[in-house]
Amino acid sequence: GELISILWGDEPVTDLVRGNLRSHLYTLRTTLAKVGLEDILVMNKWDVAIHADEIDCDYYDYLRCIPEAVNLYHGEYMSQYSWAEMTTVQLDRRLEKQY
């Protein structure tokens, strides 16, 4: 339910939406497998996650206070997604504490 609300916003959780989510997750898994990264995605009946230590990600580098990643952040984080607003607030607070 949480993943559906993140991806589809206020869309009612219907069989069609659940099917779309399953389809997207299948596509993600098969795409990752094609490039040898199938172990990055962790899924069970109720959870979907990634092994964050297995990927190169500027967000995770920022959280680890790696200077190059910190210098790349200028107050914008996935602004096209309403669910990212809370993360932006957290990133901004973290940045304020550093200065």
C-alpha atoms as a PDB file:
ATOM      1  CA  GLY A   1       0.000   0.000   0.000  1.00  0.00           C
ATOM      2  CA  GLU A   2       2.783   2.442   0.837  1.00  0.00           C
ATOM      3  CA  LEU A   3       4.546   1.843  -2.460  1.00  0.00           C
ATOM      4  CA  ILE A   4       1.294   2.299  -4.374  1.00  0.00           C
ATOM      5  CA  SER A   5       0.585   5.582  -2.598  1.00  0.00           C
ATOM      6  CA  ILE A   6       4.096   6.798  -3.375  1.00  0.00           C
ATOM      7  CA  LEU A   7       3.871   5.886  -7.045  1.00  0.00           C
ATOM      8  CA  TRP A   8       0.202   6.583  -7.736  1.00  0.00           C
ATOM      9  CA  GLY A   9      -0.627   9.236  -5.146  1.00  0.00           C
ATOM     10  CA  ASP A  10      -4.268   9.293  -4.099  1.00  0.00           C
ATOM     11  CA  GLU A  11      -5.286   6.687  -6.673  1.00  0.00           C
ATOM     12  CA  PRO A  12      -7.604   4.123  -5.056  1.00  0.00           C
ATOM     13  CA  VAL A  13      -5.922   0.768  -4.459  1.00  0.00           C
ATOM     14  CA  THR A  14      -7.685  -1.441  -6.988  1.00  0.00           C
ATOM     15  CA  ASP A  15      -6.826  -4.742  -8.626  1.00  0.00           C
ATOM     16  CA  LEU A  16      -5.694  -2.768 -11.678  1.00  0.00           C
ATOM     17  CA  VAL A  17      -3.290  -0.632  -9.628  1.00  0.00           C
ATOM     18  CA  ARG A  18      -1.952  -3.712  -7.824  1.00  0.00           C
ATOM     19  CA  GLY A  19      -1.459  -5.380 -11.204  1.00  0.00           C
ATOM     20  CA  ASN A  20       0.401  -2.331 -12.496  1.00  0.00           C
ATOM     21  CA  LEU A  21       2.694  -2.436  -9.475  1.00  0.00           C
ATOM     22  CA  ARG A  22       3.395  -6.147  -9.977  1.00  0.00           C
ATOM     23  CA  SER A  23       4.116  -5.481 -13.649  1.00  0.00           C
ATOM     24  CA  HIS A  24       6.525  -2.648 -12.848  1.00  0.00           C
ATOM     25  CA  LEU A  25       8.316  -4.731 -10.234  1.00  0.00           C
ATOM     26  CA  TYR A  26       8.623  -7.624 -12.684  1.00  0.00           C
ATOM     27  CA  THR A  27      10.083  -5.278 -15.301  1.00  0.00           C
ATOM     28  CA  LEU A  28      12.493  -3.861 -12.736  1.00  0.00           C
ATOM     29  CA  ARG A  29      13.629  -7.332 -11.659  1.00  0.00           C
ATOM     30  CA  THR A  30      14.135  -8.559 -15.230  1.00  0.00           C
ATOM     31  CA  THR A  31      15.951  -5.372 -16.241  1.00  0.00           C
ATOM     32  CA  LEU A  32      18.287  -5.638 -13.253  1.00  0.00           C
ATOM     33  CA  ALA A  33      18.906  -9.310 -14.062  1.00  0.00           C
ATOM     34  CA  LYS A  34      19.878  -8.445 -17.646  1.00  0.00           C
ATOM     35  CA  VAL A  35      22.717  -6.275 -16.356  1.00  0.00           C
ATOM     36  CA  GLY A  36      23.734  -8.653 -13.569  1.00  0.00           C
ATOM     37  CA  LEU A  37      22.273  -6.611 -10.734  1.00  0.00           C
ATOM     38  CA  GLU A  38      19.405  -8.820  -9.664  1.00  0.00           C
ATOM     39  CA  ASP A  39      20.806  -9.101  -6.128  1.00  0.00           C
ATOM     40  CA  ILE A  40      20.308  -5.371  -5.512  1.00  0.00           C
ATOM     41  CA  LEU A  41      16.534  -5.756  -5.249  1.00  0.00           C
ATOM     42  CA  VAL A  42      15.164  -7.456  -2.134  1.00  0.00           C
ATOM     43  CA  MET A  43      11.530  -8.502  -2.269  1.00  0.00           C
ATOM     44  CA  ASN A  44       9.160 -10.607  -0.256  1.00  0.00           C
ATOM     45  CA  LYS A  45       5.384 -10.704  -0.001  1.00  0.00           C
ATOM     46  CA  TRP A  46       5.165  -7.427   1.943  1.00  0.00           C
ATOM     47  CA  ASP A  47       8.407  -5.541   1.334  1.00  0.00           C
ATOM     48  CA  VAL A  48      10.439  -4.125  -1.524  1.00  0.00           C
ATOM     49  CA  ALA A  49      13.897  -2.757  -0.771  1.00  0.00           C
ATOM     50  CA  ILE A  50      17.368  -2.418  -2.202  1.00  0.00           C
ATOM     51  CA  HIS A  51      20.797  -3.251  -0.880  1.00  0.00           C
ATOM     52  CA  ALA A  52      21.899   0.376  -0.679  1.00  0.00           C
ATOM     53  CA  ASP A  53      25.544  -0.554  -0.122  1.00  0.00           C
ATOM     54  CA  GLU A  54      25.542  -2.268  -3.520  1.00  0.00           C
ATOM     55  CA  ILE A  55      24.817   0.846  -5.581  1.00  0.00           C
ATOM     56  CA  ASP A  56      26.499   4.143  -6.339  1.00  0.00           C
ATOM     57  CA  CYS A  57      23.995   6.824  -5.351  1.00  0.00           C
ATOM     58  CA  ASP A  58      24.511  10.535  -4.753  1.00  0.00           C
ATOM     59  CA  TYR A  59      21.683  10.573  -2.173  1.00  0.00           C
ATOM     60  CA  TYR A  60      23.370   7.893  -0.059  1.00  0.00           C
ATOM     61  CA  ASP A  61      26.730   9.603  -0.544  1.00  0.00           C
ATOM     62  CA  TYR A  62      25.142  12.831   0.711  1.00  0.00           C
ATOM     63  CA  LEU A  63      23.861  11.033   3.801  1.00  0.00           C
ATOM     64  CA  ARG A  64      27.391   9.706   4.384  1.00  0.00           C
ATOM     65  CA  CYS A  65      28.650  13.324   4.173  1.00  0.00           C
ATOM     66  CA  ILE A  66      30.924  12.648   1.213  1.00  0.00           C
ATOM     67  CA  PRO A  67      32.018  16.171   0.218  1.00  0.00           C
ATOM     68  CA  GLU A  68      31.446  15.765  -3.526  1.00  0.00           C
ATOM     69  CA  ALA A  69      27.843  14.694  -2.955  1.00  0.00           C
ATOM     70  CA  VAL A  70      27.209  17.405  -0.376  1.00  0.00           C
ATOM     71  CA  ASN A  71      28.505  20.015  -2.817  1.00  0.00           C
ATOM     72  CA  LEU A  72      26.146  18.755  -5.535  1.00  0.00           C
ATOM     73  CA  TYR A  73      23.003  19.392  -3.488  1.00  0.00           C
ATOM     74  CA  HIS A  74      21.499  22.847  -4.036  1.00  0.00           C
ATOM     75  CA  GLY A  75      18.071  22.519  -2.418  1.00  0.00           C
ATOM     76  CA  GLU A  76      16.271  20.470  -5.044  1.00  0.00           C
ATOM     77  CA  TYR A  77      15.454  16.793  -4.740  1.00  0.00           C
ATOM     78  CA  MET A  78      12.985  15.098  -7.077  1.00  0.00           C
ATOM     79  CA  SER A  79      10.725  18.146  -7.089  1.00  0.00           C
ATOM     80  CA  GLN A  80       8.343  16.501  -9.564  1.00  0.00           C
ATOM     81  CA  TYR A  81       7.198  14.079  -6.821  1.00  0.00           C
ATOM     82  CA  SER A  82       5.118  15.305  -3.905  1.00  0.00           C
ATOM     83  CA  TRP A  83       6.352  12.392  -1.758  1.00  0.00           C
ATOM     84  CA  ALA A  84       9.903  13.743  -1.992  1.00  0.00           C
ATOM     85  CA  GLU A  85       9.041  16.971  -0.177  1.00  0.00           C
ATOM     86  CA  MET A  86       9.771  15.479   3.246  1.00  0.00           C
ATOM     87  CA  THR A  87      13.146  14.229   2.048  1.00  0.00           C
ATOM     88  CA  THR A  88      13.955  17.697   0.733  1.00  0.00           C
ATOM     89  CA  VAL A  89      13.160  19.170   4.150  1.00  0.00           C
ATOM     90  CA  GLN A  90      15.448  16.620   5.811  1.00  0.00           C
ATOM     91  CA  LEU A  91      18.243  17.290   3.323  1.00  0.00           C
ATOM     92  CA  ASP A  92      17.915  21.045   3.851  1.00  0.00           C
ATOM     93  CA  ARG A  93      18.055  20.654   7.636  1.00  0.00           C
ATOM     94  CA  ARG A  94      21.102  18.457   7.343  1.00  0.00           C
ATOM     95  CA  LEU A  95      22.756  21.022   5.081  1.00  0.00           C
ATOM     96  CA  GLU A  96      21.990  23.857   7.534  1.00  0.00           C
ATOM     97  CA  LYS A  97      23.642  21.911  10.369  1.00  0.00           C
ATOM     98  CA  GLN A  98      26.808  21.561   8.313  1.00  0.00           C
ATOM     99  CA  TYR A  99      27.187  25.316   7.917  1.00  0.00           C
END
